[in-house]
Amino acid sequence: MKRLYRSATNKKIAGVCGGIGEMLNVDPTIIRLLFIVGCFMTGFFPLIFGYIVAMFLVPIGPSREIQQ
């Protein structure tokens, strides 16, 4: 079972949407677009509040550095 981590490499603000995309094996851009549409549909506050909470609660994932 995969765990949810904030993405260390694929992030725009804090890596929450990138981490969700990596966990679900979905392009993080799709997750970001769904997040924006959801913000407009719910009046911004619920999802923005959830994102801020996730920034503090979800740990940063291990970086995938290229090993030489």
C-alpha atoms as a PDB file:
ATOM      1  CA  MET A   1       0.000   0.000   0.000  1.00  0.00           C
ATOM      2  CA  LYS A   2       1.335   3.420  -0.948  1.00  0.00           C
ATOM      3  CA  ARG A   3       1.554   6.221   1.587  1.00  0.00           C
ATOM      4  CA  LEU A   4       0.720   9.843   0.961  1.00  0.00           C
ATOM      5  CA  TYR A   5       3.727  12.138   0.958  1.00  0.00           C
ATOM      6  CA  ARG A   6       4.161  15.682  -0.267  1.00  0.00           C
ATOM      7  CA  SER A   7       6.207  15.556  -3.432  1.00  0.00           C
ATOM      8  CA  ALA A   8       9.765  16.795  -3.047  1.00  0.00           C
ATOM      9  CA  THR A   9      10.283  17.083  -6.803  1.00  0.00           C
ATOM     10  CA  ASN A  10       6.894  17.725  -8.407  1.00  0.00           C
ATOM     11  CA  LYS A  11       5.527  20.730  -6.559  1.00  0.00           C
ATOM     12  CA  LYS A  12       4.194  24.181  -7.316  1.00  0.00           C
ATOM     13  CA  ILE A  13       3.318  25.433  -3.823  1.00  0.00           C
ATOM     14  CA  ALA A  14       3.857  22.742  -1.193  1.00  0.00           C
ATOM     15  CA  GLY A  15       3.743  19.485  -3.146  1.00  0.00           C
ATOM     16  CA  VAL A  16       0.384  18.235  -1.859  1.00  0.00           C
ATOM     17  CA  CYS A  17      -1.251  17.829  -5.286  1.00  0.00           C
ATOM     18  CA  GLY A  18       1.989  16.361  -6.668  1.00  0.00           C
ATOM     19  CA  GLY A  19       2.052  13.841  -3.834  1.00  0.00           C
ATOM     20  CA  ILE A  20      -1.562  12.842  -4.438  1.00  0.00           C
ATOM     21  CA  GLY A  21      -0.796  12.400  -8.132  1.00  0.00           C
ATOM     22  CA  GLU A  22       2.235  10.233  -7.390  1.00  0.00           C
ATOM     23  CA  MET A  23       0.259   8.122  -4.926  1.00  0.00           C
ATOM     24  CA  LEU A  24      -2.588   7.523  -7.406  1.00  0.00           C
ATOM     25  CA  ASN A  25      -0.291   7.173 -10.461  1.00  0.00           C
ATOM     26  CA  VAL A  26      -2.064  10.098 -12.118  1.00  0.00           C
ATOM     27  CA  ASP A  27      -0.523  13.155 -13.739  1.00  0.00           C
ATOM     28  CA  PRO A  28      -0.331  15.813 -10.979  1.00  0.00           C
ATOM     29  CA  THR A  29      -1.571  18.431 -13.463  1.00  0.00           C
ATOM     30  CA  ILE A  30      -4.932  16.642 -13.539  1.00  0.00           C
ATOM     31  CA  ILE A  31      -5.057  16.703  -9.725  1.00  0.00           C
ATOM     32  CA  ARG A  32      -4.256  20.429  -9.753  1.00  0.00           C
ATOM     33  CA  LEU A  33      -7.005  21.136 -12.308  1.00  0.00           C
ATOM     34  CA  LEU A  34      -9.522  19.127 -10.258  1.00  0.00           C
ATOM     35  CA  PHE A  35      -8.460  21.072  -7.181  1.00  0.00           C
ATOM     36  CA  ILE A  36      -9.056  24.412  -8.935  1.00  0.00           C
ATOM     37  CA  VAL A  37     -12.471  23.301 -10.245  1.00  0.00           C
ATOM     38  CA  GLY A  38     -13.344  22.052  -6.763  1.00  0.00           C
ATOM     39  CA  CYS A  39     -12.347  25.393  -5.266  1.00  0.00           C
ATOM     40  CA  PHE A  40     -14.743  27.226  -7.580  1.00  0.00           C
ATOM     41  CA  MET A  41     -17.549  24.761  -6.856  1.00  0.00           C
ATOM     42  CA  THR A  42     -17.207  24.890  -3.046  1.00  0.00           C
ATOM     43  CA  GLY A  43     -16.525  28.578  -2.582  1.00  0.00           C
ATOM     44  CA  PHE A  44     -12.721  28.264  -2.120  1.00  0.00           C
ATOM     45  CA  PHE A  45     -12.609  28.025   1.682  1.00  0.00           C
ATOM     46  CA  PRO A  46     -13.047  24.249   2.270  1.00  0.00           C
ATOM     47  CA  LEU A  47     -10.386  23.083  -0.181  1.00  0.00           C
ATOM     48  CA  ILE A  48      -7.956  25.906   0.551  1.00  0.00           C
ATOM     49  CA  PHE A  49      -8.284  25.132   4.278  1.00  0.00           C
ATOM     50  CA  GLY A  50      -7.757  21.416   3.561  1.00  0.00           C
ATOM     51  CA  TYR A  51      -4.664  22.188   1.468  1.00  0.00           C
ATOM     52  CA  ILE A  52      -3.164  24.301   4.249  1.00  0.00           C
ATOM     53  CA  VAL A  53      -3.839  21.554   6.809  1.00  0.00           C
ATOM     54  CA  ALA A  54      -2.254  18.980   4.470  1.00  0.00           C
ATOM     55  CA  MET A  55       0.838  21.201   4.118  1.00  0.00           C
ATOM     56  CA  PHE A  56       1.477  20.790   7.834  1.00  0.00           C
ATOM     57  CA  LEU A  57       0.297  17.213   8.412  1.00  0.00           C
ATOM     58  CA  VAL A  58       1.555  15.301   5.358  1.00  0.00           C
ATOM     59  CA  PRO A  59       5.310  14.590   5.526  1.00  0.00           C
ATOM     60  CA  ILE A  60       7.655  15.399   2.667  1.00  0.00           C
ATOM     61  CA  GLY A  61       8.457  12.280   0.684  1.00  0.00           C
ATOM     62  CA  PRO A  62      11.924  10.943   0.007  1.00  0.00           C
ATOM     63  CA  SER A  63      13.587  12.683  -2.912  1.00  0.00           C
ATOM     64  CA  ARG A  64      14.309  10.537  -5.923  1.00  0.00           C
ATOM     65  CA  GLU A  65      17.892  11.505  -6.629  1.00  0.00           C
ATOM     66  CA  ILE A  66      19.768   9.914  -9.491  1.00  0.00           C
ATOM     67  CA  GLN A  67      22.398   7.561  -8.147  1.00  0.00           C
ATOM     68  CA  GLN A  68      25.669   7.421 -10.041  1.00  0.00           C
END
